[in-house]
Amino acid sequence: MNATSIMDAVAIERALTRMAHEIVEGNPQTDTLVFVGLRTHGAPLARRLAAKVGEIIGRELPSGELDITMHRDDLDLRETPPAVGPSHIPFDVTDKTVVLVDDVLFTGRSIRAAMDELSDFGRPRCIRLAVLVDRGHRELPIRPDYVGKNLPTARTERVRVSLAETDGKDEVLIEK
């Protein structure tokens, strides 16, 4: 498969720093901010964003992670059952501004599943969506609030994100 590097570690770091500043600017009441990432790559991105926002405002911010497996709408289309893991949100999301974080936004179906799973942990005041890459091709009316990189793609292309925490290095590739 032919792969092209779209973002390296420096570009990812720069995008996350910019997104952190946008989150602070868009949420003046930072006392209600919490970060929740989708497993697998959204969770470390949520931790990174929470740390960056925390550096800007001068205090630590909570982060958690969601496993959306049981809320997916494609379970019956899979040949083998997916591995289900626990969600870990060590705080109450009720009345909080939840920044939901994922690596790639494509059809919007994963985000819909994440919102369903998140509702099991309380009723947020609002949910904001932060994604490292928005590749388009939405099937649901979901729009990100914070985007690291807009990347127009063909439906047949694949965007692959690697992060140091899960894959040993930071990189975004597009595979044709």
Protein backbone atom coordinates (compact mmCIF):
# COMPACT_ATOMS: atom_id res chain seq x y z
CA MET A 1 0.00 0.00 0.00
CA ASN A 2 1.30 3.47 -0.89
CA ALA A 3 1.52 5.71 2.21
CA THR A 4 2.29 9.42 2.45
CA SER A 5 3.27 11.15 5.68
CA ILE A 6 0.85 14.00 6.43
CA MET A 7 1.97 14.99 9.95
CA ASP A 8 5.14 14.19 11.85
CA ALA A 9 5.71 14.51 15.61
CA VAL A 10 6.44 18.26 15.36
CA ALA A 11 3.28 18.94 13.33
CA ILE A 12 1.15 16.91 15.76
CA GLU A 13 2.61 18.78 18.74
CA ARG A 14 1.99 22.13 17.02
CA ALA A 15 -1.60 21.18 16.18
CA LEU A 16 -2.33 20.07 19.76
CA THR A 17 -0.84 23.29 21.16
CA ARG A 18 -3.02 25.37 18.85
CA MET A 19 -6.09 23.32 19.73
CA ALA A 20 -5.36 23.76 23.47
CA HIS A 21 -5.30 27.56 23.05
CA GLU A 22 -8.55 27.42 21.06
CA ILE A 23 -10.17 25.34 23.81
CA VAL A 24 -9.17 27.90 26.45
CA GLU A 25 -10.39 30.80 24.31
CA GLY A 26 -13.70 29.07 23.62
CA ASN A 27 -14.33 28.05 27.23
CA PRO A 28 -13.69 30.95 29.60
CA GLN A 29 -15.14 28.96 32.53
CA THR A 30 -12.33 26.42 32.65
CA ASP A 31 -13.41 25.14 36.07
CA THR A 32 -15.96 22.86 34.35
CA LEU A 33 -13.62 21.50 31.62
CA VAL A 34 -12.93 17.76 31.46
CA PHE A 35 -11.42 15.67 28.66
CA VAL A 36 -12.59 12.26 27.48
CA GLY A 37 -10.85 10.35 24.70
CA LEU A 38 -12.06 7.46 22.58
CA ARG A 39 -9.98 4.35 22.94
CA THR A 40 -7.43 3.73 21.40
CA HIS A 41 -5.85 6.90 19.99
CA GLY A 42 -8.29 9.45 21.36
CA ALA A 43 -7.41 8.63 24.97
CA PRO A 44 -3.73 9.64 24.79
CA LEU A 45 -4.69 12.70 22.74
CA ALA A 46 -7.20 13.66 25.46
CA ARG A 47 -4.47 13.33 28.11
CA ARG A 48 -2.11 15.48 26.03
CA LEU A 49 -4.76 18.16 25.45
CA ALA A 50 -5.74 18.18 29.13
CA ALA A 51 -2.07 18.67 30.07
CA LYS A 52 -1.60 21.48 27.53
CA VAL A 53 -4.76 23.29 28.62
CA GLY A 54 -3.69 22.74 32.23
CA GLU A 55 -0.35 24.42 31.52
CA ILE A 56 -2.14 27.43 30.00
CA ILE A 57 -4.61 27.91 32.86
CA GLY A 58 -2.27 26.85 35.66
CA ARG A 59 -4.02 23.79 37.04
CA GLU A 60 -4.46 20.11 36.30
CA LEU A 61 -7.51 18.98 34.36
CA PRO A 62 -9.13 15.53 34.52
CA SER A 63 -9.18 13.15 31.59
CA GLY A 64 -10.78 9.78 30.99
CA GLU A 65 -11.36 7.30 28.21
CA LEU A 66 -14.31 5.61 26.56
CA ASP A 67 -14.64 2.20 25.01
CA ILE A 68 -17.45 2.62 22.47
CA THR A 69 -17.54 -0.99 21.27
CA MET A 70 -21.00 -1.87 22.55
CA HIS A 71 -22.52 1.34 21.17
CA ARG A 72 -21.27 0.85 17.61
CA ASP A 73 -23.89 0.38 14.90
CA ASP A 74 -21.76 -2.07 12.87
CA LEU A 75 -21.41 -4.94 15.36
CA ASP A 76 -23.58 -7.27 13.27
CA LEU A 77 -21.48 -6.53 10.17
CA ARG A 78 -18.23 -7.81 11.69
CA GLU A 79 -16.95 -11.33 11.06
CA THR A 80 -15.55 -11.72 14.58
CA PRO A 81 -16.82 -10.13 17.78
CA PRO A 82 -14.73 -7.14 18.85
CA ALA A 83 -12.82 -7.04 22.12
CA VAL A 84 -14.71 -4.99 24.69
CA GLY A 85 -12.84 -3.08 27.36
CA PRO A 86 -14.00 -0.87 30.20
CA SER A 87 -14.49 2.84 29.93
CA HIS A 88 -12.57 4.74 32.59
CA ILE A 89 -13.93 8.12 33.61
CA PRO A 90 -12.86 8.78 37.21
CA PHE A 91 -15.04 11.88 37.58
CA ASP A 92 -18.68 12.91 37.24
CA VAL A 93 -19.45 14.49 33.85
CA THR A 94 -22.72 15.99 35.06
CA ASP A 95 -22.80 19.74 34.42
CA LYS A 96 -19.29 19.66 32.93
CA THR A 97 -18.03 20.86 29.58
CA VAL A 98 -16.74 17.61 28.13
CA VAL A 99 -14.13 17.86 25.39
CA LEU A 100 -14.57 14.58 23.53
CA VAL A 101 -11.33 13.69 21.73
CA ASP A 102 -10.62 11.34 18.84
CA ASP A 103 -7.82 10.92 16.34
CA VAL A 104 -9.74 10.89 13.02
CA LEU A 105 -13.24 12.11 12.25
CA PHE A 106 -14.71 10.32 9.23
CA THR A 107 -18.39 9.34 9.04
CA GLY A 108 -19.30 10.54 12.55
CA ARG A 109 -20.56 7.14 13.67
CA SER A 110 -17.84 6.64 16.30
CA ILE A 111 -18.64 10.02 17.81
CA ARG A 112 -22.35 9.15 17.96
CA ALA A 113 -21.43 5.94 19.76
CA ALA A 114 -19.17 7.89 22.13
CA MET A 115 -21.98 10.28 23.03
CA ASP A 116 -24.21 7.28 23.79
CA GLU A 117 -21.54 5.76 26.05
CA LEU A 118 -20.79 9.12 27.69
CA SER A 119 -24.43 9.46 28.75
CA ASP A 120 -23.88 6.45 31.04
CA PHE A 121 -21.57 8.67 33.14
CA GLY A 122 -23.93 11.62 33.66
CA ARG A 123 -25.43 14.58 31.83
CA PRO A 124 -22.77 17.00 30.59
CA ARG A 125 -23.59 20.71 30.33
CA CYS A 126 -22.19 20.50 26.80
CA ILE A 127 -19.96 18.33 24.66
CA ARG A 128 -17.26 19.80 22.44
CA LEU A 129 -15.48 17.68 19.84
CA ALA A 130 -11.71 17.83 19.27
CA VAL A 131 -10.11 15.73 16.54
CA LEU A 132 -6.55 15.55 15.31
CA VAL A 133 -7.67 14.94 11.70
CA ASP A 134 -10.98 15.71 10.00
CA ARG A 135 -11.08 13.78 6.75
CA GLY A 136 -14.65 14.58 5.70
CA HIS A 137 -17.26 12.15 4.32
CA ARG A 138 -19.74 12.62 7.18
CA GLU A 139 -22.78 10.35 7.29
CA LEU A 140 -24.20 11.92 10.45
CA PRO A 141 -24.67 15.61 11.32
CA ILE A 142 -21.57 15.83 13.51
CA ARG A 143 -19.07 18.68 13.30
CA PRO A 144 -15.82 19.12 15.25
CA ASP A 145 -15.24 22.23 17.35
CA TYR A 146 -11.44 21.89 17.35
CA VAL A 147 -9.45 20.39 14.48
CA GLY A 148 -5.72 19.75 14.23
CA LYS A 149 -5.76 19.29 10.45
CA ASN A 150 -8.46 19.23 7.79
CA LEU A 151 -7.48 16.53 5.33
CA PRO A 152 -9.69 16.05 2.27
CA THR A 153 -9.57 12.37 1.31
CA ALA A 154 -11.12 9.93 -1.09
CA ARG A 155 -13.44 7.41 0.54
CA THR A 156 -11.06 4.64 -0.53
CA GLU A 157 -8.08 6.19 1.24
CA ARG A 158 -7.19 5.37 4.82
CA VAL A 159 -5.84 7.78 7.42
CA ARG A 160 -3.59 6.04 9.93
CA VAL A 161 -2.55 7.78 13.14
CA SER A 162 0.39 6.50 15.19
CA LEU A 163 1.06 7.91 18.66
CA ALA A 164 4.08 7.44 20.90
CA GLU A 165 1.91 6.08 23.74
CA THR A 166 0.41 3.27 21.65
CA ASP A 167 2.68 2.84 18.62
CA GLY A 168 6.10 4.14 19.62
CA LYS A 169 6.05 7.27 17.45
CA ASP A 170 3.87 10.20 16.42
CA GLU A 171 2.81 10.30 12.78
CA VAL A 172 -0.22 10.63 10.55
CA LEU A 173 -0.19 8.75 7.24
CA ILE A 174 -2.61 8.61 4.37
CA GLU A 175 -2.72 5.27 2.56
CA LYS A 176 -4.01 5.00 -0.98
